Amino acid sequence: MMRRGIQMVKVLLIALILIFQYLYGVNWNYLRVKYGCDLSKYLENIKECRMSDVVVIIRYAEGHEPVIGALVKIDQISHDFLFGNAPEYLLFHYAPKCYPASRFGEPLNQDLLEKYKAYYLRLFNFATLPAFYWNLYEPRKEELPLRESAIKVAEWLKNNNVIVKGHTLVWGNPELGGIPFWVLKEEFKAKGNAWKYLQNRVKREILDFSNLIDMWDVVNEPITHTWFEKIVGHSYISQIYDLARMVNKRALLLINEYDVLLNEEKRKLYMEKVQALLENSVPIDIMGVQGNLFLGSSNVKQVISRINDIYAALDEMGKLGLPIHITEFQIPIRPIISSYSCPEEVAEKTQADIAIIMYTVFFSNPSVEAITYWNLYKAWQKGAGLLDKRNNDLVPKPVFYALDDLIHNEWETHIRGITDDEGKITFRGFHGKYAIKVKLRGNKERRFEIHVKKGEKNFFVLEVDK
């Protein structure tokens, strides 16, 4: 009965979303006129780097004759690109006394929790699990109050085919939770203690979650926060990555930095750091780029006017040869209200427009393989979340619908056609998995699944019985 109720919630949510998409959609000309953003070159880039030509041949298994005139329905069912979020609320929900996020208030009731989960799975195939800030995860030596909550959330994500990334293992920021107080005390007692405990902690977390997490933000903000560098020396980064690779050889390992998209000097330092590490064969797989462009008193109009600079910065960093993840991105309400002198209701619509603009710029760059919006509900910056609690209900904001329209309409492929004299259907589609239904004579139906991949031939021969 419970399962049926959850399914009904999901069906109703999807129906509402589809109605919204039908009524509103993306008006690219409106964005150009209102915000001065001509996105045409970015849209062309998307067609070039996010889509591939596909050939599907339907033939009979016996004799290999083409199936002519068959009705074919082709629907994309997943994306290769990672559209992510940080399910921070779930960590709080399962451990409200251990996860200090007072902005969440009282935990959601079961009905609203199921709505939260349904909305999450509607938009996202990727999750950054922010359970591993050292001071939160191990506030006292060998006490791990968030462990069970983190496992529960990671299991739910994995069971729903969401790729999970752990955040974060090494963050040299004592003020904001990167280093527990007890570690600082131990280091004061004897030089080298912090390094010893850090190595043990990194090894423990990667091993403990090896069945759930195969991607980690290993070192976070090494340019901005240099506590470990001062304590251990420059080699701490390479040693930690070597340790992480040794513990989980299949894991993808990220390095991550803040304020590099529009800060040329800091971007240069970050690139020099990453390049030096790569030249020394340090096993870094992905370059993390935080996209927190709208902070505090940010001039939103000014940031929007610099989308070409943001794209150029991604191009510049892409030359290092690593895939890029936009690891943190959010659009708070206050800077919008300040920049456009508008009421909150209007600011929420503007927030949705800005999301479309920025996601289009990020998605159009061939080096970018993931975008993580931080986060779904009650983000750390006021009004940045995609959902809001209103009248005792969990309600999607316009920005949620805007992202849904991009992911499941603008950037998703659905084809209806009839096989030609060679039994062939051709199309150009976004990279990901597709479900194919072939309707044959006598009302017979056959189903297949294919995976359209970037840089591959994408030629598929599907056989049916006569």
Protein backbone atom coordinates (compact mmCIF):
# COMPACT_ATOMS: atom_id res chain seq x y z
CA MET A 1 0.00 0.00 0.00
CA MET A 2 2.86 2.34 0.96
CA ARG A 3 4.70 1.58 -2.28
CA ARG A 4 1.57 2.26 -4.34
CA GLY A 5 1.18 5.64 -2.59
CA ILE A 6 4.77 6.57 -3.39
CA GLN A 7 4.25 5.62 -7.03
CA MET A 8 1.12 7.80 -7.17
CA VAL A 9 3.10 10.74 -5.80
CA LYS A 10 5.73 10.26 -8.52
CA VAL A 11 3.10 10.03 -11.27
CA LEU A 12 1.36 13.21 -10.09
CA LEU A 13 4.65 15.11 -9.84
CA ILE A 14 5.71 14.13 -13.34
CA ALA A 15 2.26 15.07 -14.73
CA LEU A 16 2.51 18.54 -13.18
CA ILE A 17 6.03 19.00 -14.54
CA LEU A 18 5.02 18.00 -18.07
CA ILE A 19 2.09 20.45 -18.00
CA PHE A 20 4.46 23.22 -16.89
CA GLN A 21 6.90 22.38 -19.69
CA TYR A 22 4.12 22.42 -22.27
CA LEU A 23 2.87 25.82 -21.10
CA TYR A 24 6.21 27.56 -20.67
CA GLY A 25 9.26 25.87 -22.23
CA VAL A 26 12.45 27.85 -22.95
CA ASN A 27 12.13 31.10 -24.87
CA TRP A 28 15.69 31.75 -26.01
CA ASN A 29 14.82 35.05 -27.70
CA TYR A 30 13.26 36.32 -24.47
CA LEU A 31 16.53 35.59 -22.62
CA ARG A 32 18.48 37.46 -25.29
CA VAL A 33 16.23 40.52 -25.11
CA LYS A 34 15.82 40.70 -21.32
CA TYR A 35 19.36 39.82 -20.21
CA GLY A 36 21.42 40.66 -23.29
CA CYS A 37 22.52 37.03 -23.54
CA ASP A 38 22.80 35.69 -27.05
CA LEU A 39 23.08 31.96 -26.37
CA SER A 40 23.01 30.88 -30.03
CA LYS A 41 26.69 29.86 -30.19
CA TYR A 42 26.31 27.87 -26.96
CA LEU A 43 23.27 26.08 -28.35
CA GLU A 44 25.28 25.18 -31.46
CA ASN A 45 28.10 23.92 -29.25
CA ILE A 46 25.62 21.68 -27.44
CA LYS A 47 24.49 20.13 -30.71
CA GLU A 48 28.11 19.51 -31.62
CA CYS A 49 29.56 18.12 -28.37
CA ARG A 50 26.56 16.59 -26.58
CA MET A 51 24.94 14.75 -29.48
CA SER A 52 25.98 12.04 -31.95
CA ASP A 53 24.60 10.60 -35.17
CA VAL A 54 22.90 7.26 -34.61
CA VAL A 55 21.96 4.49 -37.03
CA VAL A 56 19.55 1.74 -35.96
CA ILE A 57 18.92 -1.25 -38.26
CA ILE A 58 15.95 -3.51 -37.55
CA ARG A 59 16.26 -6.91 -39.22
CA TYR A 60 14.92 -10.43 -38.88
CA ALA A 61 17.12 -12.84 -36.96
CA GLU A 62 16.53 -15.54 -39.56
CA GLY A 63 17.94 -14.54 -42.94
CA HIS A 64 18.85 -11.02 -41.81
CA GLU A 65 16.22 -9.44 -44.04
CA PRO A 66 15.40 -5.81 -43.19
CA VAL A 67 12.15 -5.11 -41.36
CA ILE A 68 10.49 -2.56 -43.63
CA GLY A 69 7.77 -0.18 -42.50
CA ALA A 70 7.93 -1.00 -38.78
CA LEU A 71 6.81 1.69 -36.35
CA VAL A 72 9.72 2.61 -34.09
CA LYS A 73 9.55 4.56 -30.84
CA ILE A 74 12.89 5.72 -29.42
CA ASP A 75 13.02 7.41 -26.00
CA GLN A 76 16.07 8.55 -24.08
CA ILE A 77 15.89 7.11 -20.56
CA SER A 78 19.17 8.37 -19.06
CA HIS A 79 21.92 10.91 -19.60
CA ASP A 80 25.66 10.27 -19.68
CA PHE A 81 26.16 13.86 -18.53
CA LEU A 82 25.97 14.13 -14.75
CA PHE A 83 23.27 16.47 -13.49
CA GLY A 84 23.92 16.58 -9.76
CA ASN A 85 22.78 17.90 -6.42
CA ALA A 86 23.90 17.69 -2.79
CA PRO A 87 21.19 15.81 -0.82
CA GLU A 88 22.22 17.59 2.35
CA TYR A 89 18.71 17.54 3.76
CA LEU A 90 18.66 13.73 3.84
CA LEU A 91 21.77 13.66 6.03
CA PHE A 92 20.00 15.99 8.43
CA HIS A 93 16.74 14.01 8.25
CA TYR A 94 18.38 10.76 9.32
CA ALA A 95 20.70 12.36 11.88
CA PRO A 96 19.11 15.67 12.98
CA LYS A 97 21.12 15.84 16.21
CA CYS A 98 24.43 15.24 14.43
CA TYR A 99 24.10 17.38 11.30
CA PRO A 100 24.08 21.03 12.41
CA ALA A 101 21.83 22.58 9.78
CA SER A 102 19.41 24.73 11.75
CA ARG A 103 18.00 26.17 8.52
CA PHE A 104 16.09 22.90 7.98
CA GLY A 105 14.00 23.32 11.12
CA GLU A 106 11.88 20.28 11.98
CA PRO A 107 12.34 17.17 9.80
CA LEU A 108 9.80 16.71 7.02
CA ASN A 109 6.98 14.25 7.63
CA GLN A 110 6.98 10.97 5.70
CA ASP A 111 4.75 12.26 2.88
CA LEU A 112 6.95 15.31 2.29
CA LEU A 113 10.10 13.19 2.57
CA GLU A 114 8.80 10.98 -0.25
CA LYS A 115 8.05 14.09 -2.29
CA TYR A 116 11.60 15.33 -1.70
CA LYS A 117 12.98 12.01 -2.92
CA ALA A 118 10.70 11.95 -5.98
CA TYR A 119 11.74 15.48 -6.94
CA TYR A 120 15.40 14.55 -6.47
CA LEU A 121 15.16 11.52 -8.73
CA ARG A 122 13.18 13.46 -11.31
CA LEU A 123 16.07 15.86 -11.91
CA PHE A 124 19.31 14.26 -10.85
CA ASN A 125 21.44 11.24 -11.78
CA PHE A 126 24.38 12.32 -9.63
CA ALA A 127 24.89 13.23 -5.97
CA THR A 128 27.59 14.94 -3.95
CA LEU A 129 27.24 13.51 -0.45
CA PRO A 130 28.52 16.23 1.92
CA ALA A 131 28.81 13.98 4.96
CA PHE A 132 32.59 13.88 5.22
CA TYR A 133 33.65 17.29 6.50
CA TRP A 134 36.08 15.99 9.07
CA ASN A 135 34.81 18.05 12.01
CA LEU A 136 31.25 16.83 11.37
CA TYR A 137 32.12 13.25 10.54
CA GLU A 138 34.56 12.72 13.42
CA PRO A 139 33.96 15.52 15.96
CA ARG A 140 35.65 13.43 18.63
CA LYS A 141 38.38 10.89 18.03
CA GLU A 142 36.97 7.64 16.58
CA GLU A 143 33.35 8.79 17.09
CA LEU A 144 31.47 8.86 13.77
CA PRO A 145 27.93 10.15 14.42
CA LEU A 146 27.13 10.72 10.74
CA ARG A 147 28.26 7.32 9.50
CA GLU A 148 24.89 5.55 9.63
CA SER A 149 23.07 8.50 8.06
CA ALA A 150 25.66 8.71 5.27
CA ILE A 151 25.34 4.97 4.58
CA LYS A 152 21.54 5.19 4.49
CA VAL A 153 21.57 8.09 2.03
CA ALA A 154 24.27 6.53 -0.15
CA GLU A 155 22.37 3.23 -0.28
CA TRP A 156 19.16 4.99 -1.33
CA LEU A 157 21.01 6.88 -4.05
CA LYS A 158 22.78 3.80 -5.37
CA ASN A 159 19.57 1.74 -5.33
CA ASN A 160 18.04 4.42 -7.55
CA ASN A 161 20.96 4.41 -10.03
CA VAL A 162 22.34 7.74 -8.83
CA ILE A 163 26.14 8.00 -8.97
CA VAL A 164 27.51 9.10 -5.58
CA LYS A 165 30.54 11.27 -4.90
CA GLY A 166 31.89 11.69 -1.36
CA HIS A 167 32.63 15.23 -0.19
CA THR A 168 35.23 15.95 1.14
CA LEU A 169 38.27 14.07 2.50
CA VAL A 170 40.89 16.81 2.89
CA TRP A 171 39.99 20.46 3.50
CA GLY A 172 42.52 22.67 5.23
CA ASN A 173 39.92 25.00 6.71
CA PRO A 174 39.79 24.72 10.53
CA GLU A 175 37.24 27.54 10.86
CA LEU A 176 34.52 25.90 8.75
CA GLY A 177 34.83 22.27 9.75
CA GLY A 178 37.74 21.00 7.70
CA ILE A 179 39.75 19.98 10.75
CA PRO A 180 38.34 18.83 14.11
CA PHE A 181 39.42 20.62 17.27
CA TRP A 182 40.82 17.39 18.72
CA VAL A 183 43.18 17.10 15.73
CA LEU A 184 44.38 20.66 16.27
CA LYS A 185 45.07 19.79 19.91
CA GLU A 186 46.97 16.63 18.95
CA GLU A 187 49.09 18.56 16.47
CA PHE A 188 49.87 21.09 19.20
CA LYS A 189 51.05 18.22 21.41
CA ALA A 190 53.34 16.71 18.80
CA LYS A 191 54.16 17.80 15.28
CA GLY A 192 53.05 15.19 12.74
CA ASN A 193 49.99 13.95 14.61
CA ALA A 194 47.56 15.74 12.29
CA TRP A 195 49.16 14.18 9.23
CA LYS A 196 49.01 10.72 10.79
CA TYR A 197 45.33 11.10 11.70
CA LEU A 198 44.49 12.54 8.27
CA GLN A 199 45.99 9.56 6.45
CA ASN A 200 44.13 7.14 8.72
CA ARG A 201 40.87 9.02 8.19
CA VAL A 202 41.19 9.08 4.39
CA LYS A 203 41.92 5.37 4.27
CA ARG A 204 39.07 4.55 6.67
CA GLU A 205 36.36 6.51 4.79
CA ILE A 206 37.30 5.23 1.33
CA LEU A 207 37.40 1.63 2.57
CA ASP A 208 34.21 1.94 4.60
CA PHE A 209 32.23 3.24 1.63
CA SER A 210 33.97 1.26 -1.10
CA ASN A 211 30.72 -0.55 -2.02
CA LEU A 212 28.76 2.69 -2.26
CA ILE A 213 31.10 5.48 -3.38
CA ASP A 214 33.52 5.31 -6.30
CA MET A 215 34.14 9.04 -6.67
CA TRP A 216 35.68 11.39 -4.11
CA ASP A 217 36.48 15.07 -3.67
CA VAL A 218 39.88 14.24 -2.24
CA VAL A 219 41.55 17.63 -1.72
CA ASN A 220 39.23 20.62 -1.50
CA GLU A 221 40.37 24.21 -2.06
CA PRO A 222 44.15 23.70 -1.83
CA ILE A 223 44.82 27.22 -3.11
CA THR A 224 42.34 28.93 -0.78
CA HIS A 225 43.10 26.93 2.39
CA THR A 226 46.71 25.93 3.03
CA TRP A 227 46.69 24.65 6.62
CA PHE A 228 47.90 21.15 5.68
CA GLU A 229 50.53 22.55 3.38
CA LYS A 230 51.93 24.61 6.26
CA ILE A 231 51.84 21.65 8.63
CA VAL A 232 52.92 18.80 6.33
CA GLY A 233 54.55 20.46 3.34
CA HIS A 234 53.81 20.67 -0.40
CA SER A 235 53.91 16.90 -0.86
CA TYR A 236 50.77 16.24 1.21
CA ILE A 237 48.56 16.44 -1.89
CA SER A 238 50.46 13.87 -3.94
CA GLN A 239 50.76 11.52 -0.96
CA ILE A 240 47.03 11.69 -0.23
CA TYR A 241 46.09 10.95 -3.86
CA ASP A 242 48.51 8.03 -3.97
CA LEU A 243 46.92 6.70 -0.78
CA ALA A 244 43.38 7.14 -2.14
CA ARG A 245 44.27 5.31 -5.36
CA MET A 246 45.89 2.48 -3.43
CA VAL A 247 42.78 2.05 -1.23
CA ASN A 248 40.26 2.07 -4.11
CA LYS A 249 41.81 1.58 -7.52
CA ARG A 250 38.53 2.04 -9.41
CA ALA A 251 37.55 5.32 -7.72
CA LEU A 252 37.56 8.59 -9.64
CA LEU A 253 39.53 11.19 -7.70
CA LEU A 254 38.81 14.93 -7.87
CA ILE A 255 40.66 18.04 -6.86
CA ASN A 256 38.43 21.05 -6.27
CA GLU A 257 38.86 24.81 -6.01
CA TYR A 258 36.78 27.92 -5.38
CA ASP A 259 36.61 31.27 -7.24
CA VAL A 260 38.52 30.37 -10.39
CA LEU A 261 35.98 31.14 -13.13
CA LEU A 262 36.23 34.94 -12.96
CA ASN A 263 39.39 35.32 -10.87
CA GLU A 264 42.22 35.09 -13.39
CA GLU A 265 45.05 35.18 -10.84
CA LYS A 266 43.59 32.39 -8.73
CA ARG A 267 42.75 30.33 -11.80
CA LYS A 268 46.37 30.58 -12.89
CA LEU A 269 47.56 29.33 -9.47
CA TYR A 270 45.08 26.46 -9.56
CA MET A 271 46.08 25.42 -13.06
CA GLU A 272 49.76 25.57 -12.17
CA LYS A 273 49.11 23.40 -9.13
CA VAL A 274 47.14 20.80 -11.07
CA GLN A 275 49.59 20.76 -13.98
CA ALA A 276 52.54 20.19 -11.62
CA LEU A 277 50.69 17.33 -9.94
CA LEU A 278 49.84 15.71 -13.27
CA GLU A 279 53.44 16.06 -14.48
CA ASN A 280 54.47 14.12 -11.38
CA SER A 281 51.95 11.35 -12.17
CA VAL A 282 49.66 12.17 -9.24
CA PRO A 283 46.43 10.20 -9.89
CA ILE A 284 43.93 13.04 -10.31
CA ASP A 285 41.07 12.07 -12.63
CA ILE A 286 38.80 15.12 -12.62
CA MET A 287 39.28 18.86 -12.13
CA GLY A 288 36.62 20.36 -9.87
CA VAL A 289 35.56 23.96 -10.47
CA GLN A 290 33.21 25.61 -8.01
CA GLY A 291 30.62 27.78 -9.71
CA ASN A 292 29.50 29.86 -6.72
CA LEU A 293 29.32 33.04 -8.78
CA PHE A 294 26.44 34.64 -6.90
CA LEU A 295 27.51 35.22 -3.31
CA GLY A 296 26.30 37.78 -0.79
CA SER A 297 26.34 41.15 -2.50
CA SER A 298 27.25 39.84 -5.96
CA ASN A 299 26.18 41.99 -8.88
CA VAL A 300 24.11 39.43 -10.78
CA LYS A 301 23.86 41.58 -13.90
CA GLN A 302 27.63 41.90 -14.03
CA VAL A 303 28.14 38.12 -13.74
CA ILE A 304 25.57 37.43 -16.46
CA SER A 305 27.31 39.92 -18.72
CA ARG A 306 30.50 37.84 -18.45
CA ILE A 307 29.27 34.47 -19.68
CA ASN A 308 31.81 34.59 -22.52
CA ASP A 309 34.61 35.01 -19.96
CA ILE A 310 33.23 32.08 -17.94
CA TYR A 311 33.20 29.87 -21.03
CA ALA A 312 36.74 30.99 -21.94
CA ALA A 313 37.92 30.12 -18.41
CA LEU A 314 36.50 26.60 -18.79
CA ASP A 315 38.25 26.30 -22.16
CA GLU A 316 41.52 27.41 -20.58
CA MET A 317 41.30 24.89 -17.76
CA GLY A 318 40.18 22.19 -20.19
CA LYS A 319 43.56 22.42 -21.91
CA LEU A 320 45.05 20.50 -18.97
CA GLY A 321 43.31 17.45 -20.40
CA LEU A 322 41.13 16.53 -17.42
CA PRO A 323 37.33 16.39 -17.45
CA ILE A 324 35.82 19.31 -15.54
CA HIS A 325 33.03 19.10 -12.97
CA ILE A 326 31.13 22.21 -11.91
CA THR A 327 31.13 20.99 -8.33
CA GLU A 328 29.05 23.67 -6.62
CA PHE A 329 26.56 26.05 -8.18
CA GLN A 330 23.61 27.89 -6.71
CA ILE A 331 21.61 31.05 -7.28
CA PRO A 332 20.48 32.77 -4.06
CA ILE A 333 17.57 35.20 -4.07
CA ARG A 334 19.03 38.18 -2.23
CA PRO A 335 21.60 39.20 -4.88
CA ILE A 336 18.83 39.02 -7.50
CA ILE A 337 16.52 41.26 -5.47
CA SER A 338 19.40 43.69 -4.92
CA SER A 339 20.61 43.70 -8.53
CA TYR A 340 17.19 43.99 -10.18
CA SER A 341 15.32 45.90 -7.43
CA CYS A 342 12.43 43.46 -7.62
CA PRO A 343 10.11 41.65 -5.19
CA GLU A 344 10.83 38.05 -4.25
CA GLU A 345 8.15 36.62 -6.55
CA VAL A 346 9.75 38.29 -9.57
CA ALA A 347 13.22 37.33 -8.30
CA GLU A 348 12.21 33.66 -8.35
CA LYS A 349 11.34 33.90 -12.05
CA THR A 350 14.63 35.69 -12.68
CA GLN A 351 16.40 32.93 -10.74
CA ALA A 352 14.94 30.39 -13.18
CA ASP A 353 16.10 32.44 -16.17
CA ILE A 354 19.63 32.72 -14.77
CA ALA A 355 19.72 28.96 -14.21
CA ILE A 356 18.86 28.38 -17.87
CA ILE A 357 21.57 30.80 -18.99
CA MET A 358 24.31 29.39 -16.76
CA TYR A 359 23.48 25.73 -17.32
CA THR A 360 23.50 26.34 -21.07
CA VAL A 361 26.98 27.89 -20.86
CA PHE A 362 28.32 25.07 -18.66
CA PHE A 363 26.66 22.28 -20.67
CA SER A 364 27.95 23.67 -23.96
CA ASN A 365 31.62 23.35 -23.00
CA PRO A 366 33.01 19.97 -24.14
CA SER A 367 35.35 19.67 -21.13
CA VAL A 368 32.50 19.85 -18.62
CA GLU A 369 31.02 16.48 -17.63
CA ALA A 370 28.96 17.37 -14.55
CA ILE A 371 27.05 20.25 -12.94
CA THR A 372 26.05 20.09 -9.29
CA TYR A 373 23.40 22.47 -7.98
CA TRP A 374 23.82 23.02 -4.23
CA ASN A 375 21.15 22.10 -3.17
CA LEU A 376 17.53 20.94 -3.55
CA TYR A 377 15.89 22.21 -0.36
CA LYS A 378 16.91 25.09 1.95
CA ALA A 379 20.38 25.70 0.57
CA TRP A 380 23.03 27.43 2.68
CA GLN A 381 22.37 30.68 0.83
CA LYS A 382 18.85 31.97 1.43
CA GLY A 383 16.39 31.18 -1.34
CA ALA A 384 18.88 29.21 -3.45
CA GLY A 385 17.04 25.89 -3.08
CA LEU A 386 14.90 24.44 -5.85
CA LEU A 387 12.06 23.49 -3.49
CA ASP A 388 10.28 25.47 -0.81
CA LYS A 389 7.94 24.52 2.02
CA ARG A 390 4.71 26.48 1.64
CA ASN A 391 1.34 25.83 3.29
CA ASN A 392 2.68 22.59 4.78
CA ASP A 393 3.60 21.29 1.33
CA LEU A 394 6.87 20.87 -0.55
CA VAL A 395 6.57 23.03 -3.66
CA PRO A 396 8.91 23.30 -6.68
CA LYS A 397 10.01 26.83 -7.49
CA PRO A 398 10.25 28.14 -11.07
CA VAL A 399 13.97 27.29 -11.08
CA PHE A 400 13.14 23.60 -10.55
CA TYR A 401 10.84 23.59 -13.58
CA ALA A 402 13.43 25.48 -15.63
CA LEU A 403 16.10 22.85 -14.96
CA ASP A 404 13.62 20.05 -15.56
CA ASP A 405 12.74 21.55 -18.93
CA LEU A 406 16.40 21.70 -19.92
CA ILE A 407 17.22 18.17 -18.77
CA HIS A 408 14.07 16.38 -19.91
CA ASN A 409 12.97 18.46 -22.87
CA GLU A 410 15.64 20.61 -24.49
CA TRP A 411 18.47 18.13 -23.83
CA GLU A 412 16.67 14.83 -24.21
CA THR A 413 15.93 12.93 -27.43
CA HIS A 414 12.64 11.29 -28.40
CA ILE A 415 12.11 9.89 -31.89
CA ARG A 416 9.11 8.43 -33.70
CA GLY A 417 9.62 6.92 -37.13
CA ILE A 418 9.13 4.13 -39.65
CA THR A 419 11.95 1.91 -40.90
CA ASP A 420 12.94 2.45 -44.54
CA ASP A 421 13.66 -0.15 -47.25
CA GLU A 422 16.86 -1.09 -45.43
CA GLY A 423 15.10 -1.44 -42.08
CA LYS A 424 16.89 1.70 -40.97
CA ILE A 425 16.14 4.64 -38.65
CA THR A 426 18.67 7.47 -38.34
CA PHE A 427 18.74 10.35 -35.89
CA ARG A 428 21.03 12.64 -33.92
CA GLY A 429 20.63 12.23 -30.18
CA PHE A 430 22.01 13.23 -26.83
CA HIS A 431 24.44 10.82 -25.21
CA GLY A 432 22.83 8.31 -22.89
CA LYS A 433 20.68 5.19 -22.82
CA TYR A 434 17.59 4.73 -24.97
CA ALA A 435 14.58 2.44 -24.84
CA ILE A 436 13.39 1.27 -28.27
CA LYS A 437 9.98 -0.19 -29.06
CA VAL A 438 9.46 -1.80 -32.47
CA LYS A 439 5.89 -2.49 -33.56
CA LEU A 440 5.65 -5.33 -36.08
CA ARG A 441 2.89 -6.84 -38.15
CA GLY A 442 0.17 -8.55 -36.18
CA ASN A 443 0.55 -5.92 -33.47
CA LYS A 444 3.66 -7.64 -32.12
CA GLU A 445 6.05 -5.47 -30.16
CA ARG A 446 9.75 -5.93 -29.43
CA ARG A 447 11.78 -3.89 -26.96
CA PHE A 448 15.48 -3.05 -26.92
CA GLU A 449 17.93 -0.79 -25.12
CA ILE A 450 20.90 0.96 -26.68
CA HIS A 451 23.59 3.27 -25.33
CA VAL A 452 24.58 6.26 -27.46
CA LYS A 453 28.11 7.27 -26.50
CA LYS A 454 30.32 10.21 -27.30
CA GLY A 455 33.09 9.46 -29.77
CA GLU A 456 31.74 6.05 -30.80
CA LYS A 457 30.22 4.77 -34.04
CA ASN A 458 26.71 4.32 -32.56
CA PHE A 459 25.61 1.83 -35.22
CA PHE A 460 23.12 -0.67 -33.82
CA VAL A 461 21.66 -3.80 -35.42
CA LEU A 462 18.57 -5.10 -33.63
CA GLU A 463 17.12 -8.48 -34.54
CA VAL A 464 13.52 -9.65 -34.25
CA ASP A 465 11.82 -12.97 -34.89
CA LYS A 466 9.49 -13.34 -37.86
